[in-house]
């Protein structure tokens, strides 16, 4: 029986309810009256149920599909303006004991070069990332209790936060590691992580077990219930996602929104972020082997409908996606992107290692090129980490977002962190474009007092001071 408040995976992600929802959405894909009613509800900016969202995703009416994209753009601008937060993944180790068929880290792959960073090597990686201008990292590691125990992850976090290089500093460390215990989540919380991220990969239990034939990750329930344990351990910012292409997109789309509804119902706050990766080529992984791969048009529609369904939740796409694909979805709902990424262990300090990446990059541009591109598109590249550092997390963050008050922090913080980047790292061309953006966007800060303080801090940043935030 479907129960969003249940802590049992097969009750808050209910197979029969998902199948029924797919059937309902298919039956109403041309129901103009119902679709327009759902769009009207979406305009209230309070989100949609997974069933309502499924109807929009199935919609086959051209005018209504245009209205879906337009509403997604409006909601994105309402809650996130033209700000895009930048981050980079940092791969600590590709040792793994799981048998995931879509990931080259699986233990049967004898061709991939295995590597685990020492703390000295991590310091070199972080120095390289700081020299690029990054302030926010997402730690990645395979699941291997011998090579990658929780103690190794905790020591690595301590190394990262403790390293200051020139004007560089990593101010937020998000963590994407395998499902673990409440005790270990408490340790991660105490270490000062930002968001705990874990992709479900697919919500279909049968498909999930087929994709994970061996290793600890094969336990569907333990994996699916991980976010509840993370919140029990004190982590109130969690990030969920699926890997589109492993299973039918409608099933996983509904499961993803069910999971978001479950966290809201059972824990009092939904996911901080939702990621929407698509399966990409990698060593011994060919997307052609997966029959559920989605194209760019469908990918864009998924992003748009998720934005309408969960208007307060951040959305992330990585360098798995091409420049063209990323450009299309930025205005439809995406609020965070990676830039200048390496998916190899040790790839920032030493350069990309042959045959050791988790997946191939589709967008290989440098961080400075990404920043310049965002400026050309009219976006504010943001390196802000203020909410996490000011304790605006979990329900405190969501209440500010829902009330609209968060804009009084986000706009000036984005401009100040952009100013830091321009002063310390930008090429002359990007610096010029960024200064023009800051001058223009200062005028849009609605609170006169905040505007005056932001202007003072921008001048202080030009004069060598660093790290101001609202």
Protein backbone atom coordinates (compact mmCIF):
# COMPACT_ATOMS: atom_id res chain seq x y z
CA UNK A 1 0.00 0.00 0.00
CA UNK A 2 1.32 3.45 -0.91
CA UNK A 3 2.16 5.54 2.14
CA UNK A 4 4.38 8.63 1.74
CA UNK A 5 4.95 8.85 5.51
CA UNK A 6 6.19 5.28 5.77
CA UNK A 7 9.90 4.65 6.27
CA UNK A 8 9.74 1.43 4.24
CA UNK A 9 11.02 1.81 0.69
CA UNK A 10 8.35 -0.29 -1.00
CA UNK A 11 5.60 1.71 0.68
CA UNK A 12 6.78 5.26 -0.07
CA UNK A 13 7.96 4.15 -3.55
CA UNK A 14 5.03 1.91 -4.41
CA UNK A 15 5.25 -0.11 -7.63
CA UNK A 16 1.50 -0.51 -8.17
CA UNK A 17 0.88 3.20 -7.55
CA UNK A 18 3.53 4.15 -10.09
CA UNK A 19 2.03 1.84 -12.72
CA UNK A 20 -1.43 3.23 -12.01
CA UNK A 21 -0.08 6.78 -12.32
CA UNK A 22 1.54 5.99 -15.67
CA UNK A 23 -1.76 4.57 -16.91
CA UNK A 24 -3.67 7.61 -15.63
CA UNK A 25 -1.26 10.04 -17.27
CA UNK A 26 -1.40 8.19 -20.58
CA UNK A 27 -5.20 8.25 -20.50
CA UNK A 28 -5.20 12.03 -19.95
CA UNK A 29 -2.31 13.10 -22.17
CA UNK A 30 -4.72 14.95 -24.50
CA UNK A 31 -7.12 16.15 -21.79
CA UNK A 32 -6.78 19.88 -22.39
CA UNK A 33 -9.08 20.86 -19.52
CA UNK A 34 -7.21 18.79 -16.95
CA UNK A 35 -3.80 19.89 -18.22
CA UNK A 36 -4.80 23.54 -18.05
CA UNK A 37 -6.12 23.03 -14.51
CA UNK A 38 -2.77 21.51 -13.51
CA UNK A 39 -0.92 24.42 -15.06
CA UNK A 40 -3.11 26.86 -13.12
CA UNK A 41 -2.21 25.02 -9.93
CA UNK A 42 1.45 25.19 -10.92
CA UNK A 43 1.16 28.97 -11.17
CA UNK A 44 0.35 29.08 -7.47
CA UNK A 45 4.04 28.18 -6.91
CA UNK A 46 3.25 25.49 -4.37
CA UNK A 47 4.23 22.52 -6.50
CA UNK A 48 2.38 19.56 -7.98
CA UNK A 49 1.74 15.98 -6.95
CA UNK A 50 3.62 13.24 -8.77
CA UNK A 51 0.39 12.31 -10.55
CA UNK A 52 -0.25 15.84 -11.78
CA UNK A 53 3.36 16.11 -12.91
CA UNK A 54 3.06 12.78 -14.76
CA UNK A 55 0.11 14.16 -16.73
CA UNK A 56 2.17 17.17 -17.81
CA UNK A 57 5.06 14.93 -18.80
CA UNK A 58 2.74 12.80 -20.97
CA UNK A 59 0.98 15.80 -22.51
CA UNK A 60 0.95 15.61 -26.32
CA UNK A 61 -0.78 18.94 -27.02
CA UNK A 62 1.63 21.42 -28.72
CA UNK A 63 0.17 24.59 -27.21
CA UNK A 64 0.06 23.13 -23.71
CA UNK A 65 3.63 21.84 -24.06
CA UNK A 66 4.70 25.39 -24.90
CA UNK A 67 2.82 26.57 -21.82
CA UNK A 68 4.67 23.99 -19.70
CA UNK A 69 8.04 25.36 -20.80
CA UNK A 70 6.92 28.95 -20.31
CA UNK A 71 5.69 28.23 -16.77
CA UNK A 72 8.95 26.44 -15.94
CA UNK A 73 10.90 29.50 -17.09
CA UNK A 74 8.72 31.79 -14.97
CA UNK A 75 9.13 29.64 -11.87
CA UNK A 76 12.87 29.30 -12.37
CA UNK A 77 13.21 33.08 -12.59
CA UNK A 78 10.87 33.65 -9.64
CA UNK A 79 12.88 31.53 -7.20
CA UNK A 80 16.41 31.58 -8.64
CA UNK A 81 16.54 34.66 -10.83
CA UNK A 82 19.36 34.44 -13.35
CA UNK A 83 21.85 32.99 -10.83
CA UNK A 84 23.70 29.74 -11.58
CA UNK A 85 25.77 28.15 -8.81
CA UNK A 86 29.03 26.50 -9.86
CA UNK A 87 30.76 23.49 -8.32
CA UNK A 88 33.25 20.76 -9.18
CA UNK A 89 33.36 17.03 -8.40
CA UNK A 90 36.43 15.70 -6.63
CA UNK A 91 37.06 11.97 -7.08
CA UNK A 92 38.94 10.52 -4.10
CA UNK A 93 39.03 6.85 -5.08
CA UNK A 94 37.65 4.56 -7.78
CA UNK A 95 38.05 1.36 -5.78
CA UNK A 96 34.62 -0.29 -5.58
CA UNK A 97 33.20 -3.68 -4.63
CA UNK A 98 29.84 -3.25 -6.36
CA UNK A 99 28.84 -4.78 -9.67
CA UNK A 100 26.81 -1.90 -11.15
CA UNK A 101 26.47 -2.63 -14.86
CA UNK A 102 26.33 1.05 -15.91
CA UNK A 103 29.48 2.19 -14.05
CA UNK A 104 33.09 1.38 -15.06
CA UNK A 105 34.11 1.34 -11.40
CA UNK A 106 32.43 -2.07 -10.99
CA UNK A 107 34.75 -4.63 -9.48
CA UNK A 108 34.83 -6.90 -12.55
CA UNK A 109 36.39 -4.20 -14.71
CA UNK A 110 40.07 -5.17 -14.83
CA UNK A 111 40.96 -2.58 -17.48
CA UNK A 112 40.36 0.59 -15.47
CA UNK A 113 43.32 2.10 -13.63
CA UNK A 114 42.52 1.98 -9.91
CA UNK A 115 43.68 4.81 -7.69
CA UNK A 116 43.07 6.21 -4.21
CA UNK A 117 44.34 9.67 -3.32
CA UNK A 118 46.57 10.17 -0.31
CA UNK A 119 45.92 13.24 1.85
CA UNK A 120 48.93 14.90 0.21
CA UNK A 121 47.43 14.20 -3.22
CA UNK A 122 44.07 15.52 -2.08
CA UNK A 123 45.80 18.73 -1.01
CA UNK A 124 47.30 19.01 -4.51
CA UNK A 125 43.88 18.48 -6.09
CA UNK A 126 42.26 21.08 -3.85
CA UNK A 127 45.04 23.57 -4.56
CA UNK A 128 44.45 23.10 -8.28
CA UNK A 129 40.70 23.58 -7.79
CA UNK A 130 41.27 26.70 -5.72
CA UNK A 131 43.56 28.07 -8.42
CA UNK A 132 40.66 27.64 -10.85
CA UNK A 133 38.38 29.62 -8.54
CA UNK A 134 36.13 26.91 -7.11
CA UNK A 135 34.59 27.30 -3.65
CA UNK A 136 32.23 24.30 -3.59
CA UNK A 137 33.10 20.64 -4.13
CA UNK A 138 31.20 17.37 -4.39
CA UNK A 139 33.25 14.45 -3.07
CA UNK A 140 32.93 11.20 -5.01
CA UNK A 141 34.23 7.76 -4.15
CA UNK A 142 33.47 4.15 -4.93
CA UNK A 143 32.08 1.86 -2.25
CA UNK A 144 34.88 -0.14 -0.69
CA UNK A 145 35.00 -0.45 3.12
CA UNK A 146 38.69 -1.46 3.01
CA UNK A 147 40.02 1.23 0.67
CA UNK A 148 37.41 3.94 1.25
CA UNK A 149 36.16 3.62 4.86
CA UNK A 150 34.23 6.47 6.47
CA UNK A 151 37.39 7.45 8.36
CA UNK A 152 39.12 8.11 5.03
CA UNK A 153 36.24 10.31 3.86
CA UNK A 154 36.22 12.25 7.16
CA UNK A 155 39.99 12.78 7.06
CA UNK A 156 39.67 13.98 3.46
CA UNK A 157 36.96 16.50 4.40
CA UNK A 158 39.21 17.81 7.18
CA UNK A 159 42.10 18.15 4.72
CA UNK A 160 39.93 20.05 2.23
CA UNK A 161 38.47 22.51 4.73
CA UNK A 162 41.89 23.09 6.28
CA UNK A 163 43.69 24.07 3.06
CA UNK A 164 43.97 27.79 2.29
CA UNK A 165 45.96 28.73 -0.80
CA UNK A 166 46.48 32.38 -1.79
CA UNK A 167 42.90 33.75 -1.74
CA UNK A 168 41.44 30.28 -2.30
CA UNK A 169 39.33 28.27 0.11
CA UNK A 170 36.77 25.51 -0.27
CA UNK A 171 33.77 26.71 1.70
CA UNK A 172 31.30 23.89 1.14
CA UNK A 173 31.99 20.18 0.74
CA UNK A 174 29.03 18.13 -0.47
CA UNK A 175 29.41 14.38 -0.26
CA UNK A 176 28.26 11.70 -2.70
CA UNK A 177 29.15 8.35 -1.15
CA UNK A 178 27.34 5.03 -0.82
CA UNK A 179 24.37 4.52 1.48
CA UNK A 180 25.57 4.07 5.04
CA UNK A 181 24.48 3.97 8.68
CA UNK A 182 22.92 6.64 10.90
CA UNK A 183 26.14 6.62 12.92
CA UNK A 184 28.21 7.41 9.84
CA UNK A 185 25.80 10.10 8.68
CA UNK A 186 26.16 11.71 12.10
CA UNK A 187 29.92 11.70 11.61
CA UNK A 188 29.52 13.37 8.21
CA UNK A 189 27.21 15.96 9.74
CA UNK A 190 29.71 16.68 12.51
CA UNK A 191 32.46 17.04 9.90
CA UNK A 192 30.55 19.99 8.44
CA UNK A 193 29.39 18.65 5.10
CA UNK A 194 26.92 20.64 3.05
CA UNK A 195 24.54 18.35 1.16
CA UNK A 196 24.57 14.57 1.24
CA UNK A 197 23.92 13.36 -2.30
CA UNK A 198 22.90 9.87 -3.36
CA UNK A 199 21.35 8.91 -6.68
CA UNK A 200 18.76 6.17 -6.67
CA UNK A 201 19.79 5.25 -10.23
CA UNK A 202 16.34 3.65 -10.78
CA UNK A 203 13.28 3.32 -8.55
CA UNK A 204 12.04 0.12 -10.18
CA UNK A 205 13.04 -2.59 -7.69
CA UNK A 206 13.29 -5.37 -10.27
CA UNK A 207 15.30 -3.20 -12.64
CA UNK A 208 17.42 -1.90 -9.76
CA UNK A 209 18.39 -5.42 -8.72
CA UNK A 210 19.26 -6.31 -12.32
CA UNK A 211 21.48 -3.24 -12.59
CA UNK A 212 23.18 -4.06 -9.27
CA UNK A 213 23.77 -7.83 -9.38
CA UNK A 214 26.37 -7.89 -6.62
CA UNK A 215 27.87 -5.87 -3.79
CA UNK A 216 26.27 -3.91 -0.93
CA UNK A 217 24.45 -1.63 -3.35
CA UNK A 218 22.24 -4.51 -4.51
CA UNK A 219 20.07 -4.01 -1.37
CA UNK A 220 17.25 -1.90 -2.83
CA UNK A 221 15.56 -1.05 0.46
CA UNK A 222 18.77 -0.06 2.27
CA UNK A 223 19.76 2.21 -0.61
CA UNK A 224 16.32 3.77 -1.07
CA UNK A 225 15.90 4.48 2.66
CA UNK A 226 19.31 6.15 2.92
CA UNK A 227 18.01 9.72 2.99
CA UNK A 228 15.84 8.99 6.01
CA UNK A 229 18.88 7.66 7.86
CA UNK A 230 20.90 10.70 6.75
CA UNK A 231 18.27 13.03 8.19
CA UNK A 232 18.12 10.97 11.36
CA UNK A 233 21.87 11.50 11.58
CA UNK A 234 21.40 15.28 11.50
CA UNK A 235 21.95 16.02 7.80
CA UNK A 236 19.05 18.23 6.75
CA UNK A 237 20.19 19.04 3.20
CA UNK A 238 19.98 15.95 0.99
CA UNK A 239 20.15 15.58 -2.79
CA UNK A 240 18.36 12.88 -4.76
CA UNK A 241 18.43 11.86 -8.43
CA UNK A 242 18.05 9.09 -10.97
CA UNK A 243 20.23 8.03 -13.89
CA UNK A 244 17.88 8.40 -16.83
CA UNK A 245 18.37 5.61 -19.32
CA UNK A 246 18.53 2.66 -16.95
CA UNK A 247 14.77 2.21 -16.76
CA UNK A 248 11.70 3.69 -18.46
CA UNK A 249 11.79 7.45 -17.91
CA UNK A 250 8.15 7.72 -16.81
CA UNK A 251 8.63 5.19 -14.02
CA UNK A 252 11.74 6.86 -12.65
CA UNK A 253 10.31 10.36 -13.06
CA UNK A 254 7.33 9.40 -10.90
CA UNK A 255 9.54 7.56 -8.41
CA UNK A 256 11.77 10.62 -8.10
CA UNK A 257 8.84 12.89 -7.24
CA UNK A 258 7.40 10.24 -4.91
CA UNK A 259 10.71 10.30 -3.06
CA UNK A 260 10.55 14.09 -2.79
CA UNK A 261 6.98 13.88 -1.44
CA UNK A 262 8.04 11.19 1.02
CA UNK A 263 10.85 13.33 2.46
CA UNK A 264 8.45 16.23 2.88
CA UNK A 265 5.84 14.02 4.54
CA UNK A 266 8.13 11.92 6.73
CA UNK A 267 10.96 14.34 7.52
CA UNK A 268 9.29 17.74 7.21
CA UNK A 269 11.50 18.99 4.39
CA UNK A 270 11.96 17.84 0.82
CA UNK A 271 15.24 17.37 -1.04
CA UNK A 272 17.62 20.31 -1.22
CA UNK A 273 18.59 19.31 -4.76
CA UNK A 274 17.49 16.99 -7.54
CA UNK A 275 20.00 15.78 -10.13
CA UNK A 276 19.00 14.57 -13.59
CA UNK A 277 21.99 12.78 -15.14
CA UNK A 278 21.65 10.71 -18.31
CA UNK A 279 23.73 7.63 -18.97
CA UNK A 280 26.88 8.52 -20.90
CA UNK A 281 29.76 6.62 -22.52
CA UNK A 282 32.57 5.41 -20.25
CA UNK A 283 35.18 2.69 -20.16
CA UNK A 284 33.33 -0.61 -20.86
CA UNK A 285 29.93 1.20 -20.77
CA UNK A 286 28.06 1.95 -24.01
CA UNK A 287 24.72 3.81 -23.77
CA UNK A 288 23.59 1.86 -26.87
CA UNK A 289 23.36 -1.18 -24.61
CA UNK A 290 20.55 0.51 -22.67
CA UNK A 291 17.19 0.64 -24.42
CA UNK A 292 15.71 3.48 -22.33
CA UNK A 293 18.09 6.30 -23.33
CA UNK A 294 16.26 9.64 -23.64
CA UNK A 295 16.84 12.34 -26.25
CA UNK A 296 17.43 16.07 -25.74
CA UNK A 297 13.80 17.10 -26.27
CA UNK A 298 12.51 14.66 -23.67
CA UNK A 299 15.33 15.60 -21.30
CA UNK A 300 14.34 19.27 -21.55
CA UNK A 301 10.70 18.44 -20.85
CA UNK A 302 11.63 16.36 -17.79
CA UNK A 303 13.60 19.32 -16.41
CA UNK A 304 10.71 21.70 -17.06
CA UNK A 305 8.10 19.54 -15.36
CA UNK A 306 10.32 18.86 -12.35
CA UNK A 307 10.78 22.61 -11.95
CA UNK A 308 7.00 23.11 -11.88
CA UNK A 309 6.45 20.16 -9.54
CA UNK A 310 9.10 21.11 -6.96
CA UNK A 311 9.64 24.86 -7.40
CA UNK A 312 11.76 25.27 -4.24
CA UNK A 313 14.28 22.53 -4.96
CA UNK A 314 17.62 23.17 -6.64
CA UNK A 315 18.33 21.26 -9.84
CA UNK A 316 21.74 20.05 -10.95
CA UNK A 317 23.27 18.98 -14.26
CA UNK A 318 26.89 18.05 -14.70
CA UNK A 319 29.43 18.00 -17.49
CA UNK A 320 27.82 14.75 -18.61
CA UNK A 321 25.69 17.13 -20.69
CA UNK A 322 26.94 19.03 -23.74
CA UNK A 323 27.11 22.81 -23.90
CA UNK A 324 24.05 22.81 -26.16
CA UNK A 325 22.03 20.61 -23.83
CA UNK A 326 23.02 22.60 -20.74
CA UNK A 327 22.20 25.90 -22.40
CA UNK A 328 18.70 24.69 -23.19
CA UNK A 329 17.80 23.60 -19.67
CA UNK A 330 19.38 26.46 -17.70
CA UNK A 331 16.29 28.63 -18.12
CA UNK A 332 13.89 25.72 -17.68
CA UNK A 333 14.90 24.87 -14.14
CA UNK A 334 18.56 24.08 -13.57
CA UNK A 335 20.19 26.14 -10.81
CA UNK A 336 23.58 24.41 -10.33
CA UNK A 337 26.15 23.18 -12.84
CA UNK A 338 29.67 21.84 -12.66
CA UNK A 339 32.50 23.53 -14.52
CA UNK A 340 36.03 22.57 -15.48
CA UNK A 341 35.30 19.07 -14.17
CA UNK A 342 37.49 15.98 -14.08
CA UNK A 343 35.93 12.58 -13.47
CA UNK A 344 39.28 10.88 -12.95
CA UNK A 345 41.02 10.34 -9.62
CA UNK A 346 43.78 12.96 -9.45
CA UNK A 347 42.64 14.64 -12.65
CA UNK A 348 42.98 18.28 -11.55
CA UNK A 349 46.60 18.31 -10.44
CA UNK A 350 47.96 15.72 -12.86
CA UNK A 351 45.59 16.07 -15.79
CA UNK A 352 43.11 13.44 -17.03
CA UNK A 353 44.44 9.93 -16.51
CA UNK A 354 43.89 7.45 -19.30
CA UNK A 355 41.17 4.86 -18.75
CA UNK A 356 40.16 5.91 -15.22
CA UNK A 357 37.14 8.21 -15.60
CA UNK A 358 33.72 7.36 -14.23
CA UNK A 359 32.13 8.77 -17.40
CA UNK A 360 33.16 10.74 -20.46
CA UNK A 361 32.77 14.52 -20.32
CA UNK A 362 30.50 16.12 -22.87
CA UNK A 363 31.42 19.66 -21.81
CA UNK A 364 35.21 19.94 -21.50
CA UNK A 365 35.52 23.73 -21.21
CA UNK A 366 37.55 25.36 -18.45
CA UNK A 367 35.87 27.05 -15.51
CA UNK A 368 36.77 30.46 -16.92
CA UNK A 369 35.16 29.53 -20.23
CA UNK A 370 32.04 28.37 -18.38
CA UNK A 371 31.89 31.63 -16.42
CA UNK A 372 32.26 33.66 -19.60
CA UNK A 373 29.59 31.60 -21.33
CA UNK A 374 27.12 32.10 -18.47
CA UNK A 375 27.74 35.84 -18.56
CA UNK A 376 27.09 35.91 -22.31
CA UNK A 377 23.78 34.14 -21.72
CA UNK A 378 22.76 36.72 -19.10
CA UNK A 379 23.29 34.51 -16.06
CA UNK A 380 25.16 35.43 -12.88
CA UNK A 381 27.84 32.80 -12.18
CA UNK A 382 27.65 32.31 -8.41
CA UNK A 383 30.15 30.70 -6.04
CA UNK A 384 27.94 31.38 -3.03
CA UNK A 385 28.03 29.10 0.03
CA UNK A 386 26.45 31.55 2.46
CA UNK A 387 23.27 29.68 3.40
CA UNK A 388 25.16 26.60 4.54
CA UNK A 389 27.65 28.68 6.51
CA UNK A 390 24.94 30.85 8.09
CA UNK A 391 22.86 27.84 9.16
CA UNK A 392 20.14 28.40 6.55
CA UNK A 393 19.67 24.71 5.79
CA UNK A 394 16.80 22.22 5.79
CA UNK A 395 13.44 23.68 6.77
CA UNK A 396 15.03 27.05 7.58
CA UNK A 397 16.25 27.34 4.01
CA UNK A 398 12.96 26.16 2.54
CA UNK A 399 10.89 28.61 4.58
CA UNK A 400 13.00 31.50 3.28
CA UNK A 401 12.69 30.24 -0.30
CA UNK A 402 8.92 29.80 -0.07
CA UNK A 403 8.47 33.29 1.38
CA UNK A 404 10.71 34.88 -1.23
CA UNK A 405 12.99 36.35 1.44
CA UNK A 406 15.96 34.33 0.24
CA UNK A 407 16.32 36.73 -2.70
CA UNK A 408 17.59 39.40 -0.29
CA UNK A 409 20.56 37.12 0.39
CA UNK A 410 21.08 35.32 -2.91
CA UNK A 411 21.42 38.26 -5.29
CA UNK A 412 24.09 40.20 -3.34
CA UNK A 413 25.91 37.01 -2.34
CA UNK A 414 26.07 35.90 -5.97
CA UNK A 415 27.46 39.26 -7.03
CA UNK A 416 30.06 39.33 -4.26
CA UNK A 417 31.31 35.82 -4.99
CA UNK A 418 31.43 36.63 -8.70
CA UNK A 419 33.49 39.70 -7.80
CA UNK A 420 35.94 37.47 -5.89
CA UNK A 421 36.30 35.27 -8.95
CA UNK A 422 36.85 38.26 -11.23
CA UNK A 423 39.52 39.75 -8.97
CA UNK A 424 41.47 36.53 -8.40
CA UNK A 425 41.00 34.16 -11.33
CA UNK A 426 39.24 35.58 -14.39
CA UNK A 427 40.73 36.24 -17.80
CA UNK A 428 40.63 39.92 -18.89
CA UNK A 429 37.68 39.29 -21.20
CA UNK A 430 35.65 37.52 -18.51
CA UNK A 431 36.58 40.17 -15.95
CA UNK A 432 35.24 42.93 -18.19
CA UNK A 433 31.98 41.07 -18.86
CA UNK A 434 31.60 40.24 -15.18
CA UNK A 435 32.04 43.83 -14.04
CA UNK A 436 29.36 44.89 -16.49
CA UNK A 437 27.05 42.21 -15.09
CA UNK A 438 27.66 43.30 -11.49
CA UNK A 439 26.95 46.97 -12.29
CA UNK A 440 23.73 46.01 -14.04
CA UNK A 441 22.50 43.55 -11.42
CA UNK A 442 23.24 45.84 -8.46
CA UNK A 443 20.37 47.98 -9.64
CA UNK A 444 17.94 45.08 -9.30
CA UNK A 445 18.53 44.51 -5.54
CA UNK A 446 15.14 45.50 -4.08
CA UNK A 447 16.21 46.34 -0.53
CA UNK A 448 18.02 49.73 -0.45
CA UNK A 449 19.95 48.89 2.73
CA UNK A 450 21.16 45.58 1.31
CA UNK A 451 22.17 47.34 -1.89
CA UNK A 452 24.29 49.89 0.01
CA UNK A 453 26.03 47.18 2.05
CA UNK A 454 26.65 45.08 -1.08
CA UNK A 455 28.21 48.06 -2.85
CA UNK A 456 30.51 48.65 0.12
CA UNK A 457 31.58 45.01 0.20
CA UNK A 458 32.20 44.98 -3.55
CA UNK A 459 34.57 47.90 -3.07
CA UNK A 460 36.24 46.08 -0.16
CA UNK A 461 36.72 43.03 -2.37
CA UNK A 462 38.39 45.17 -5.02
CA UNK A 463 40.73 46.43 -2.29
CA UNK A 464 41.84 42.95 -1.30
CA UNK A 465 39.41 41.82 1.39
CA UNK A 466 37.54 38.53 0.93
CA UNK A 467 34.58 36.43 2.03
CA UNK A 468 31.64 38.73 2.66
CA UNK A 469 28.14 37.30 2.87
CA UNK A 470 24.58 38.10 3.85
